[in-house]
Amino acid sequence: MIKKALRNGLWYKVLNELDRALLVLTSRTVDVVRSVTLGIVIVKILAKLKKASKSSFVRYMECFGVMEAKKIAAQAIAFGRSEAESWAHDMGFVRFLTVMKINSPMGFP
């Protein structure tokens, strides 16, 4: 993960000096983290890196696409389509809605 963060330019952009030091020292000295506290801190730092490495499309899909899929699924359920419950969690449908929104002309809602 450290190499990937360095390669993508996230190492200095996302992490502060303490976070970088903790990751480097832990990776150099320990194979298995036994301390619960240190493990929690390392997981939070790695989550920060993972969140920052997502593309803008994935971030837009997670905020807009999921919300729109839930709204459409709720409308379909209200019309009596019981199988529409799974639409809100279908990532293909979420991706489709996001692409349609991105590619729609500016004047249309």
PDB file of N, CA and C in Angstrom:
ATOM      1  N   MET A   1       0.824  -1.196   0.000  1.00  0.00           N
ATOM      2  CA  MET A   1       0.000   0.000   0.000  1.00  0.00           C
ATOM      3  C   MET A   1       0.868   1.261   0.000  1.00  0.00           C
ATOM      4  N   ILE A   2       2.009   1.184   0.671  1.00  0.00           N
ATOM      5  CA  ILE A   2       2.908   2.336   0.702  1.00  0.00           C
ATOM      6  C   ILE A   2       3.431   2.627  -0.697  1.00  0.00           C
ATOM      7  N   LYS A   3       3.844   1.588  -1.412  1.00  0.00           N
ATOM      8  CA  LYS A   3       4.354   1.776  -2.771  1.00  0.00           C
ATOM      9  C   LYS A   3       3.286   2.341  -3.690  1.00  0.00           C
ATOM     10  N   LYS A   4       2.072   1.860  -3.549  1.00  0.00           N
ATOM     11  CA  LYS A   4       0.973   2.345  -4.378  1.00  0.00           C
ATOM     12  C   LYS A   4       0.689   3.819  -4.081  1.00  0.00           C
ATOM     13  N   ALA A   5       0.723   4.195  -2.804  1.00  0.00           N
ATOM     14  CA  ALA A   5       0.482   5.592  -2.423  1.00  0.00           C
ATOM     15  C   ALA A   5       1.588   6.502  -2.958  1.00  0.00           C
ATOM     16  N   LEU A   6       2.814   6.032  -2.909  1.00  0.00           N
ATOM     17  CA  LEU A   6       3.926   6.819  -3.456  1.00  0.00           C
ATOM     18  C   LEU A   6       3.794   6.964  -4.965  1.00  0.00           C
ATOM     19  N   ARG A   7       3.436   5.890  -5.634  1.00  0.00           N
ATOM     20  CA  ARG A   7       3.312   5.883  -7.089  1.00  0.00           C
ATOM     21  C   ARG A   7       2.194   6.831  -7.549  1.00  0.00           C
ATOM     22  N   ASN A   8       1.098   6.872  -6.806  1.00  0.00           N
ATOM     23  CA  ASN A   8      -0.043   7.703  -7.189  1.00  0.00           C
ATOM     24  C   ASN A   8       0.046   9.133  -6.673  1.00  0.00           C
ATOM     25  N   GLY A   9       1.076   9.452  -5.922  1.00  0.00           N
ATOM     26  CA  GLY A   9       1.255  10.799  -5.407  1.00  0.00           C
ATOM     27  C   GLY A   9       0.376  11.126  -4.207  1.00  0.00           C
ATOM     28  N   LEU A  10      -0.113  10.112  -3.537  1.00  0.00           N
ATOM     29  CA  LEU A  10      -0.993  10.328  -2.392  1.00  0.00           C
ATOM     30  C   LEU A  10      -0.247  10.334  -1.062  1.00  0.00           C
ATOM     31  N   TRP A  11       0.962   9.829  -1.057  1.00  0.00           N
ATOM     32  CA  TRP A  11       1.721   9.644   0.178  1.00  0.00           C
ATOM     33  C   TRP A  11       1.870  10.956   0.940  1.00  0.00           C
ATOM     34  N   TYR A  12       2.297  12.020   0.262  1.00  0.00           N
ATOM     35  CA  TYR A  12       2.500  13.306   0.928  1.00  0.00           C
ATOM     36  C   TYR A  12       1.246  14.171   0.890  1.00  0.00           C
ATOM     37  N   LYS A  13       0.368  13.921  -0.065  1.00  0.00           N
ATOM     38  CA  LYS A  13      -0.833  14.735  -0.218  1.00  0.00           C
ATOM     39  C   LYS A  13      -1.893  14.401   0.835  1.00  0.00           C
ATOM     40  N   VAL A  14      -2.040  13.104   1.156  1.00  0.00           N
ATOM     41  CA  VAL A  14      -3.132  12.660   2.023  1.00  0.00           C
ATOM     42  C   VAL A  14      -2.684  12.472   3.474  1.00  0.00           C
ATOM     43  N   LEU A  15      -1.488  11.940   3.654  1.00  0.00           N
ATOM     44  CA  LEU A  15      -1.039  11.578   5.001  1.00  0.00           C
ATOM     45  C   LEU A  15      -0.158  12.656   5.612  1.00  0.00           C
ATOM     46  N   ASN A  16      -0.321  12.872   6.908  1.00  0.00           N
ATOM     47  CA  ASN A  16       0.570  13.798   7.602  1.00  0.00           C
ATOM     48  C   ASN A  16       1.843  13.043   8.016  1.00  0.00           C
ATOM     49  N   GLU A  17       2.762  13.759   8.622  1.00  0.00           N
ATOM     50  CA  GLU A  17       4.068  13.186   8.962  1.00  0.00           C
ATOM     51  C   GLU A  17       3.952  12.023   9.952  1.00  0.00           C
ATOM     52  N   LEU A  18       3.069  12.148  10.914  1.00  0.00           N
ATOM     53  CA  LEU A  18       2.892  11.095  11.916  1.00  0.00           C
ATOM     54  C   LEU A  18       2.317   9.820  11.286  1.00  0.00           C
ATOM     55  N   ASP A  19       1.332   9.975  10.409  1.00  0.00           N
ATOM     56  CA  ASP A  19       0.749   8.817   9.736  1.00  0.00           C
ATOM     57  C   ASP A  19       1.795   8.083   8.888  1.00  0.00           C
ATOM     58  N   ARG A  20       2.572   8.855   8.146  1.00  0.00           N
ATOM     59  CA  ARG A  20       3.621   8.243   7.314  1.00  0.00           C
ATOM     60  C   ARG A  20       4.643   7.505   8.171  1.00  0.00           C
ATOM     61  N   ALA A  21       5.045   8.128   9.288  1.00  0.00           N
ATOM     62  CA  ALA A  21       6.036   7.507  10.172  1.00  0.00           C
ATOM     63  C   ALA A  21       5.495   6.215  10.769  1.00  0.00           C
ATOM     64  N   LEU A  22       4.236   6.220  11.203  1.00  0.00           N
ATOM     65  CA  LEU A  22       3.639   5.007  11.776  1.00  0.00           C
ATOM     66  C   LEU A  22       3.604   3.863  10.761  1.00  0.00           C
ATOM     67  N   LEU A  23       3.198   4.163   9.536  1.00  0.00           N
ATOM     68  CA  LEU A  23       3.138   3.110   8.522  1.00  0.00           C
ATOM     69  C   LEU A  23       4.518   2.551   8.192  1.00  0.00           C
ATOM     70  N   VAL A  24       5.485   3.441   8.020  1.00  0.00           N
ATOM     71  CA  VAL A  24       6.830   2.991   7.661  1.00  0.00           C
ATOM     72  C   VAL A  24       7.451   2.184   8.796  1.00  0.00           C
ATOM     73  N   LEU A  25       7.396   2.688  10.012  1.00  0.00           N
ATOM     74  CA  LEU A  25       8.005   1.982  11.139  1.00  0.00           C
ATOM     75  C   LEU A  25       7.326   0.642  11.408  1.00  0.00           C
ATOM     76  N   THR A  26       6.005   0.622  11.307  1.00  0.00           N
ATOM     77  CA  THR A  26       5.282  -0.628  11.546  1.00  0.00           C
ATOM     78  C   THR A  26       5.609  -1.654  10.484  1.00  0.00           C
ATOM     79  N   SER A  27       5.673  -1.225   9.234  1.00  0.00           N
ATOM     80  CA  SER A  27       5.955  -2.186   8.161  1.00  0.00           C
ATOM     81  C   SER A  27       7.390  -2.704   8.218  1.00  0.00           C
ATOM     82  N   ARG A  28       8.314  -1.899   8.724  1.00  0.00           N
ATOM     83  CA  ARG A  28       9.714  -2.325   8.791  1.00  0.00           C
ATOM     84  C   ARG A  28      10.013  -3.209  10.001  1.00  0.00           C
ATOM     85  N   THR A  29       9.278  -3.026  11.085  1.00  0.00           N
ATOM     86  CA  THR A  29       9.656  -3.714  12.321  1.00  0.00           C
ATOM     87  C   THR A  29       8.769  -4.896  12.691  1.00  0.00           C
ATOM     88  N   VAL A  30       7.529  -4.917  12.242  1.00  0.00           N
ATOM     89  CA  VAL A  30       6.582  -5.920  12.719  1.00  0.00           C
ATOM     90  C   VAL A  30       5.950  -6.642  11.533  1.00  0.00           C
ATOM     91  N   ASP A  31       5.849  -7.962  11.656  1.00  0.00           N
ATOM     92  CA  ASP A  31       5.131  -8.727  10.634  1.00  0.00           C
ATOM     93  C   ASP A  31       3.649  -8.811  10.960  1.00  0.00           C
ATOM     94  N   VAL A  32       3.337  -8.997  12.231  1.00  0.00           N
ATOM     95  CA  VAL A  32       1.953  -9.084  12.691  1.00  0.00           C
ATOM     96  C   VAL A  32       1.752  -8.069  13.807  1.00  0.00           C
ATOM     97  N   VAL A  33       0.758  -7.217  13.657  1.00  0.00           N
ATOM     98  CA  VAL A  33       0.454  -6.206  14.679  1.00  0.00           C
ATOM     99  C   VAL A  33      -0.358  -6.874  15.775  1.00  0.00           C
ATOM    100  N   ARG A  34       0.171  -6.871  16.989  1.00  0.00           N
ATOM    101  CA  ARG A  34      -0.514  -7.509  18.113  1.00  0.00           C
ATOM    102  C   ARG A  34      -1.275  -6.512  18.972  1.00  0.00           C
ATOM    103  N   SER A  35      -0.887  -5.269  18.930  1.00  0.00           N
ATOM    104  CA  SER A  35      -1.547  -4.241  19.727  1.00  0.00           C
ATOM    105  C   SER A  35      -2.853  -3.832  19.047  1.00  0.00           C
ATOM    106  N   VAL A  36      -3.919  -3.868  19.791  1.00  0.00           N
ATOM    107  CA  VAL A  36      -5.228  -3.496  19.254  1.00  0.00           C
ATOM    108  C   VAL A  36      -5.251  -2.012  18.899  1.00  0.00           C
ATOM    109  N   THR A  37      -4.669  -1.199  19.745  1.00  0.00           N
ATOM    110  CA  THR A  37      -4.650   0.244  19.520  1.00  0.00           C
ATOM    111  C   THR A  37      -3.883   0.587  18.248  1.00  0.00           C
ATOM    112  N   LEU A  38      -2.704   0.005  18.095  1.00  0.00           N
ATOM    113  CA  LEU A  38      -1.911   0.248  16.888  1.00  0.00           C
ATOM    114  C   LEU A  38      -2.634  -0.278  15.656  1.00  0.00           C
ATOM    115  N   GLY A  39      -3.286  -1.408  15.779  1.00  0.00           N
ATOM    116  CA  GLY A  39      -4.033  -1.970  14.659  1.00  0.00           C
ATOM    117  C   GLY A  39      -5.156  -1.053  14.208  1.00  0.00           C
ATOM    118  N   ILE A  40      -5.863  -0.474  15.143  1.00  0.00           N
ATOM    119  CA  ILE A  40      -6.952   0.447  14.807  1.00  0.00           C
ATOM    120  C   ILE A  40      -6.409   1.682  14.096  1.00  0.00           C
ATOM    121  N   VAL A  41      -5.292   2.201  14.587  1.00  0.00           N
ATOM    122  CA  VAL A  41      -4.688   3.391  13.977  1.00  0.00           C
ATOM    123  C   VAL A  41      -4.225   3.076  12.554  1.00  0.00           C
ATOM    124  N   ILE A  42      -3.595   1.930  12.367  1.00  0.00           N
ATOM    125  CA  ILE A  42      -3.103   1.540  11.037  1.00  0.00           C
ATOM    126  C   ILE A  42      -4.281   1.366  10.073  1.00  0.00           C
ATOM    127  N   VAL A  43      -5.354   0.751  10.530  1.00  0.00           N
ATOM    128  CA  VAL A  43      -6.526   0.553   9.670  1.00  0.00           C
ATOM    129  C   VAL A  43      -7.122   1.901   9.268  1.00  0.00           C
ATOM    130  N   LYS A  44      -7.174   2.865  10.182  1.00  0.00           N
ATOM    131  CA  LYS A  44      -7.701   4.191   9.851  1.00  0.00           C
ATOM    132  C   LYS A  44      -6.832   4.891   8.813  1.00  0.00           C
ATOM    133  N   ILE A  45      -5.521   4.755   8.946  1.00  0.00           N
ATOM    134  CA  ILE A  45      -4.606   5.373   7.982  1.00  0.00           C
ATOM    135  C   ILE A  45      -4.780   4.725   6.611  1.00  0.00           C
ATOM    136  N   LEU A  46      -4.873   3.399   6.580  1.00  0.00           N
ATOM    137  CA  LEU A  46      -5.049   2.709   5.305  1.00  0.00           C
ATOM    138  C   LEU A  46      -6.406   3.028   4.676  1.00  0.00           C
ATOM    139  N   ALA A  47      -7.420   3.245   5.506  1.00  0.00           N
ATOM    140  CA  ALA A  47      -8.732   3.640   4.986  1.00  0.00           C
ATOM    141  C   ALA A  47      -8.659   5.021   4.339  1.00  0.00           C
ATOM    142  N   LYS A  48      -7.868   5.914   4.935  1.00  0.00           N
ATOM    143  CA  LYS A  48      -7.663   7.239   4.357  1.00  0.00           C
ATOM    144  C   LYS A  48      -7.037   7.130   2.972  1.00  0.00           C
ATOM    145  N   LEU A  49      -6.024   6.278   2.859  1.00  0.00           N
ATOM    146  CA  LEU A  49      -5.366   6.083   1.572  1.00  0.00           C
ATOM    147  C   LEU A  49      -6.306   5.455   0.545  1.00  0.00           C
ATOM    148  N   LYS A  50      -7.092   4.492   0.987  1.00  0.00           N
ATOM    149  CA  LYS A  50      -8.017   3.829   0.067  1.00  0.00           C
ATOM    150  C   LYS A  50      -9.074   4.800  -0.439  1.00  0.00           C
ATOM    151  N   LYS A  51      -9.595   5.640   0.450  1.00  0.00           N
ATOM    152  CA  LYS A  51     -10.612   6.614   0.057  1.00  0.00           C
ATOM    153  C   LYS A  51     -10.040   7.627  -0.926  1.00  0.00           C
ATOM    154  N   ALA A  52      -8.814   8.050  -0.698  1.00  0.00           N
ATOM    155  CA  ALA A  52      -8.191   9.041  -1.579  1.00  0.00           C
ATOM    156  C   ALA A  52      -7.828   8.459  -2.941  1.00  0.00           C
ATOM    157  N   SER A  53      -7.644   7.140  -3.021  1.00  0.00           N
ATOM    158  CA  SER A  53      -7.236   6.543  -4.283  1.00  0.00           C
ATOM    159  C   SER A  53      -8.410   6.243  -5.211  1.00  0.00           C
ATOM    160  N   LYS A  54      -9.651   6.469  -4.751  1.00  0.00           N
ATOM    161  CA  LYS A  54     -10.815   6.243  -5.608  1.00  0.00           C
ATOM    162  C   LYS A  54     -10.885   7.319  -6.685  1.00  0.00           C
ATOM    163  N   SER A  55     -11.349   6.925  -7.852  1.00  0.00           N
ATOM    164  CA  SER A  55     -11.487   7.892  -8.942  1.00  0.00           C
ATOM    165  C   SER A  55     -12.690   8.794  -8.694  1.00  0.00           C
ATOM    166  N   SER A  56     -12.734   9.891  -9.420  1.00  0.00           N
ATOM    167  CA  SER A  56     -13.852  10.820  -9.246  1.00  0.00           C
ATOM    168  C   SER A  56     -15.163  10.179  -9.688  1.00  0.00           C
ATOM    169  N   PHE A  57     -15.118   9.298 -10.698  1.00  0.00           N
ATOM    170  CA  PHE A  57     -16.331   8.610 -11.144  1.00  0.00           C
ATOM    171  C   PHE A  57     -16.878   7.707 -10.040  1.00  0.00           C
ATOM    172  N   VAL A  58     -16.006   6.979  -9.366  1.00  0.00           N
ATOM    173  CA  VAL A  58     -16.446   6.084  -8.294  1.00  0.00           C
ATOM    174  C   VAL A  58     -17.030   6.881  -7.138  1.00  0.00           C
ATOM    175  N   ARG A  59     -16.406   7.994  -6.796  1.00  0.00           N
ATOM    176  CA  ARG A  59     -16.949   8.837  -5.727  1.00  0.00           C
ATOM    177  C   ARG A  59     -18.316   9.394  -6.111  1.00  0.00           C
ATOM    178  N   TYR A  60     -18.482   9.826  -7.372  1.00  0.00           N
ATOM    179  CA  TYR A  60     -19.762  10.341  -7.845  1.00  0.00           C
ATOM    180  C   TYR A  60     -20.804   9.225  -7.873  1.00  0.00           C
ATOM    181  N   MET A  61     -20.370   8.037  -8.260  1.00  0.00           N
ATOM    182  CA  MET A  61     -21.278   6.900  -8.295  1.00  0.00           C
ATOM    183  C   MET A  61     -21.755   6.555  -6.888  1.00  0.00           C
ATOM    184  N   GLU A  62     -20.883   6.633  -5.908  1.00  0.00           N
ATOM    185  CA  GLU A  62     -21.252   6.314  -4.530  1.00  0.00           C
ATOM    186  C   GLU A  62     -22.215   7.336  -3.935  1.00  0.00           C
ATOM    187  N   CYS A  63     -22.070   8.594  -4.289  1.00  0.00           N
ATOM    188  CA  CYS A  63     -22.977   9.589  -3.694  1.00  0.00           C
ATOM    189  C   CYS A  63     -24.236   9.765  -4.534  1.00  0.00           C
ATOM    190  N   PHE A  64     -24.120  10.032  -5.828  1.00  0.00           N
ATOM    191  CA  PHE A  64     -25.296  10.281  -6.649  1.00  0.00           C
ATOM    192  C   PHE A  64     -25.995   8.997  -7.074  1.00  0.00           C
ATOM    193  N   GLY A  65     -25.247   8.046  -7.602  1.00  0.00           N
ATOM    194  CA  GLY A  65     -25.844   6.844  -8.182  1.00  0.00           C
ATOM    195  C   GLY A  65     -26.613   6.012  -7.184  1.00  0.00           C
ATOM    196  N   VAL A  66     -26.063   5.820  -6.010  1.00  0.00           N
ATOM    197  CA  VAL A  66     -26.731   5.011  -4.985  1.00  0.00           C
ATOM    198  C   VAL A  66     -28.014   5.705  -4.524  1.00  0.00           C
ATOM    199  N   MET A  67     -27.947   7.019  -4.340  1.00  0.00           N
ATOM    200  CA  MET A  67     -29.125   7.764  -3.906  1.00  0.00           C
ATOM    201  C   MET A  67     -30.226   7.697  -4.974  1.00  0.00           C
ATOM    202  N   GLU A  68     -29.853   7.847  -6.224  1.00  0.00           N
ATOM    203  CA  GLU A  68     -30.822   7.803  -7.309  1.00  0.00           C
ATOM    204  C   GLU A  68     -31.421   6.404  -7.463  1.00  0.00           C
ATOM    205  N   ALA A  69     -30.595   5.367  -7.312  1.00  0.00           N
ATOM    206  CA  ALA A  69     -31.093   3.992  -7.403  1.00  0.00           C
ATOM    207  C   ALA A  69     -32.090   3.695  -6.286  1.00  0.00           C
ATOM    208  N   LYS A  70     -31.820   4.173  -5.089  1.00  0.00           N
ATOM    209  CA  LYS A  70     -32.754   3.982  -3.975  1.00  0.00           C
ATOM    210  C   LYS A  70     -34.075   4.684  -4.242  1.00  0.00           C
ATOM    211  N   LYS A  71     -33.994   5.888  -4.811  1.00  0.00           N
ATOM    212  CA  LYS A  71     -35.208   6.646  -5.112  1.00  0.00           C
ATOM    213  C   LYS A  71     -36.054   5.928  -6.170  1.00  0.00           C
ATOM    214  N   ILE A  72     -35.419   5.438  -7.225  1.00  0.00           N
ATOM    215  CA  ILE A  72     -36.145   4.735  -8.285  1.00  0.00           C
ATOM    216  C   ILE A  72     -36.703   3.414  -7.772  1.00  0.00           C
ATOM    217  N   ALA A  73     -35.930   2.708  -6.955  1.00  0.00           N
ATOM    218  CA  ALA A  73     -36.414   1.445  -6.396  1.00  0.00           C
ATOM    219  C   ALA A  73     -37.627   1.680  -5.495  1.00  0.00           C
ATOM    220  N   ALA A  74     -37.609   2.745  -4.717  1.00  0.00           N
ATOM    221  CA  ALA A  74     -38.752   3.056  -3.847  1.00  0.00           C
ATOM    222  C   ALA A  74     -39.998   3.380  -4.661  1.00  0.00           C
ATOM    223  N   GLN A  75     -39.810   4.089  -5.774  1.00  0.00           N
ATOM    224  CA  GLN A  75     -40.946   4.392  -6.645  1.00  0.00           C
ATOM    225  C   GLN A  75     -41.508   3.126  -7.273  1.00  0.00           C
ATOM    226  N   ALA A  76     -40.627   2.228  -7.706  1.00  0.00           N
ATOM    227  CA  ALA A  76     -41.083   0.975  -8.317  1.00  0.00           C
ATOM    228  C   ALA A  76     -41.805   0.095  -7.304  1.00  0.00           C
ATOM    229  N   ILE A  77     -41.327   0.072  -6.078  1.00  0.00           N
ATOM    230  CA  ILE A  77     -41.990  -0.706  -5.019  1.00  0.00           C
ATOM    231  C   ILE A  77     -43.375  -0.123  -4.739  1.00  0.00           C
ATOM    232  N   ALA A  78     -43.477   1.211  -4.792  1.00  0.00           N
ATOM    233  CA  ALA A  78     -44.776   1.852  -4.569  1.00  0.00           C
ATOM    234  C   ALA A  78     -45.779   1.478  -5.666  1.00  0.00           C
ATOM    235  N   PHE A  79     -45.277   1.183  -6.870  1.00  0.00           N
ATOM    236  CA  PHE A  79     -46.147   0.756  -7.966  1.00  0.00           C
ATOM    237  C   PHE A  79     -46.415  -0.739  -7.946  1.00  0.00           C
ATOM    238  N   GLY A  80     -45.878  -1.450  -6.949  1.00  0.00           N
ATOM    239  CA  GLY A  80     -46.179  -2.867  -6.795  1.00  0.00           C
ATOM    240  C   GLY A  80     -45.131  -3.813  -7.352  1.00  0.00           C
ATOM    241  N   ARG A  81     -43.964  -3.322  -7.732  1.00  0.00           N
ATOM    242  CA  ARG A  81     -42.894  -4.178  -8.249  1.00  0.00           C
ATOM    243  C   ARG A  81     -42.013  -4.634  -7.080  1.00  0.00           C
ATOM    244  N   SER A  82     -42.325  -5.782  -6.504  1.00  0.00           N
ATOM    245  CA  SER A  82     -41.616  -6.237  -5.307  1.00  0.00           C
ATOM    246  C   SER A  82     -40.160  -6.595  -5.586  1.00  0.00           C
ATOM    247  N   GLU A  83     -39.830  -6.995  -6.822  1.00  0.00           N
ATOM    248  CA  GLU A  83     -38.442  -7.354  -7.140  1.00  0.00           C
ATOM    249  C   GLU A  83     -37.543  -6.127  -7.231  1.00  0.00           C
ATOM    250  N   ALA A  84     -38.109  -4.929  -7.162  1.00  0.00           N
ATOM    251  CA  ALA A  84     -37.332  -3.693  -7.259  1.00  0.00           C
ATOM    252  C   ALA A  84     -36.502  -3.417  -6.016  1.00  0.00           C
ATOM    253  N   GLU A  85     -36.726  -4.179  -4.947  1.00  0.00           N
ATOM    254  CA  GLU A  85     -35.924  -3.981  -3.729  1.00  0.00           C
ATOM    255  C   GLU A  85     -34.437  -4.182  -3.992  1.00  0.00           C
ATOM    256  N   SER A  86     -34.107  -5.088  -4.892  1.00  0.00           N
ATOM    257  CA  SER A  86     -32.701  -5.386  -5.176  1.00  0.00           C
ATOM    258  C   SER A  86     -32.053  -4.330  -6.063  1.00  0.00           C
ATOM    259  N   TRP A  87     -32.835  -3.479  -6.699  1.00  0.00           N
ATOM    260  CA  TRP A  87     -32.274  -2.469  -7.592  1.00  0.00           C
ATOM    261  C   TRP A  87     -31.391  -1.479  -6.842  1.00  0.00           C
ATOM    262  N   ALA A  88     -31.748  -1.156  -5.629  1.00  0.00           N
ATOM    263  CA  ALA A  88     -30.990  -0.164  -4.873  1.00  0.00           C
ATOM    264  C   ALA A  88     -29.575  -0.639  -4.560  1.00  0.00           C
ATOM    265  N   HIS A  89     -29.356  -1.955  -4.563  1.00  0.00           N
ATOM    266  CA  HIS A  89     -28.034  -2.506  -4.226  1.00  0.00           C
ATOM    267  C   HIS A  89     -27.315  -3.084  -5.446  1.00  0.00           C
ATOM    268  N   ASP A  90     -27.917  -2.965  -6.610  1.00  0.00           N
ATOM    269  CA  ASP A  90     -27.323  -3.492  -7.836  1.00  0.00           C
ATOM    270  C   ASP A  90     -26.331  -2.463  -8.379  1.00  0.00           C
ATOM    271  N   MET A  91     -25.035  -2.784  -8.313  1.00  0.00           N
ATOM    272  CA  MET A  91     -24.012  -1.829  -8.720  1.00  0.00           C
ATOM    273  C   MET A  91     -24.029  -1.562 -10.227  1.00  0.00           C
ATOM    274  N   GLY A  92     -24.503  -2.510 -11.008  1.00  0.00           N
ATOM    275  CA  GLY A  92     -24.643  -2.279 -12.443  1.00  0.00           C
ATOM    276  C   GLY A  92     -25.678  -1.198 -12.723  1.00  0.00           C
ATOM    277  N   PHE A  93     -26.792  -1.242 -12.004  1.00  0.00           N
ATOM    278  CA  PHE A  93     -27.841  -0.232 -12.144  1.00  0.00           C
ATOM    279  C   PHE A  93     -27.343   1.122 -11.659  1.00  0.00           C
ATOM    280  N   VAL A  94     -26.609   1.126 -10.551  1.00  0.00           N
ATOM    281  CA  VAL A  94     -26.045   2.374 -10.020  1.00  0.00           C
ATOM    282  C   VAL A  94     -25.069   2.974 -11.024  1.00  0.00           C
ATOM    283  N   ARG A  95     -24.225   2.139 -11.615  1.00  0.00           N
ATOM    284  CA  ARG A  95     -23.262   2.607 -12.614  1.00  0.00           C
ATOM    285  C   ARG A  95     -24.000   3.172 -13.836  1.00  0.00           C
ATOM    286  N   PHE A  96     -25.058   2.477 -14.269  1.00  0.00           N
ATOM    287  CA  PHE A  96     -25.851   2.942 -15.413  1.00  0.00           C
ATOM    288  C   PHE A  96     -26.448   4.317 -15.142  1.00  0.00           C
ATOM    289  N   LEU A  97     -27.047   4.499 -13.979  1.00  0.00           N
ATOM    290  CA  LEU A  97     -27.644   5.800 -13.645  1.00  0.00           C
ATOM    291  C   LEU A  97     -26.594   6.905 -13.596  1.00  0.00           C
ATOM    292  N   THR A  98     -25.424   6.581 -13.082  1.00  0.00           N
ATOM    293  CA  THR A  98     -24.355   7.581 -12.992  1.00  0.00           C
ATOM    294  C   THR A  98     -23.865   7.976 -14.373  1.00  0.00           C
ATOM    295  N   VAL A  99     -23.668   7.005 -15.257  1.00  0.00           N
ATOM    296  CA  VAL A  99     -23.217   7.298 -16.615  1.00  0.00           C
ATOM    297  C   VAL A  99     -24.263   8.118 -17.359  1.00  0.00           C
ATOM    298  N   MET A 100     -25.538   7.774 -17.172  1.00  0.00           N
ATOM    299  CA  MET A 100     -26.608   8.534 -17.830  1.00  0.00           C
ATOM    300  C   MET A 100     -26.624   9.983 -17.339  1.00  0.00           C
ATOM    301  N   LYS A 101     -26.384  10.191 -16.055  1.00  0.00           N
ATOM    302  CA  LYS A 101     -26.360  11.547 -15.503  1.00  0.00           C
ATOM    303  C   LYS A 101     -25.167  12.331 -16.034  1.00  0.00           C
ATOM    304  N   ILE A 102     -24.015  11.692 -16.098  1.00  0.00           N
ATOM    305  CA  ILE A 102     -22.805  12.375 -16.569  1.00  0.00           C
ATOM    306  C   ILE A 102     -22.935  12.741 -18.039  1.00  0.00           C
ATOM    307  N   ASN A 103     -23.545  11.884 -18.836  1.00  0.00           N
ATOM    308  CA  ASN A 103     -23.645  12.100 -20.273  1.00  0.00           C
ATOM    309  C   ASN A 103     -24.885  12.870 -20.713  1.00  0.00           C
ATOM    310  N   SER A 104     -25.729  13.274 -19.779  1.00  0.00           N
ATOM    311  CA  SER A 104     -26.925  14.022 -20.162  1.00  0.00           C
ATOM    312  C   SER A 104     -26.558  15.454 -20.519  1.00  0.00           C
ATOM    313  N   PRO A 105     -27.262  16.054 -21.477  1.00  0.00           N
ATOM    314  CA  PRO A 105     -26.999  17.445 -21.828  1.00  0.00           C
ATOM    315  C   PRO A 105     -27.264  18.386 -20.660  1.00  0.00           C
ATOM    316  N   MET A 106     -26.653  19.539 -20.673  1.00  0.00           N
ATOM    317  CA  MET A 106     -26.711  20.447 -19.533  1.00  0.00           C
ATOM    318  C   MET A 106     -28.105  20.970 -19.232  1.00  0.00           C
ATOM    319  N   GLY A 107     -28.953  21.162 -20.216  1.00  0.00           N
ATOM    320  CA  GLY A 107     -30.265  21.763 -19.987  1.00  0.00           C
ATOM    321  C   GLY A 107     -31.303  20.802 -19.423  1.00  0.00           C
ATOM    322  N   PHE A 108     -31.000  19.509 -19.421  1.00  0.00           N
ATOM    323  CA  PHE A 108     -31.967  18.522 -18.983  1.00  0.00           C
ATOM    324  C   PHE A 108     -31.711  18.118 -17.532  1.00  0.00           C
ATOM    325  N   PRO A 109     -32.778  17.809 -16.783  1.00  0.00           N
ATOM    326  CA  PRO A 109     -32.593  17.432 -15.370  1.00  0.00           C
ATOM    327  C   PRO A 109     -32.033  16.037 -15.197  1.00  0.00           C
TER     328      PRO A 109
END
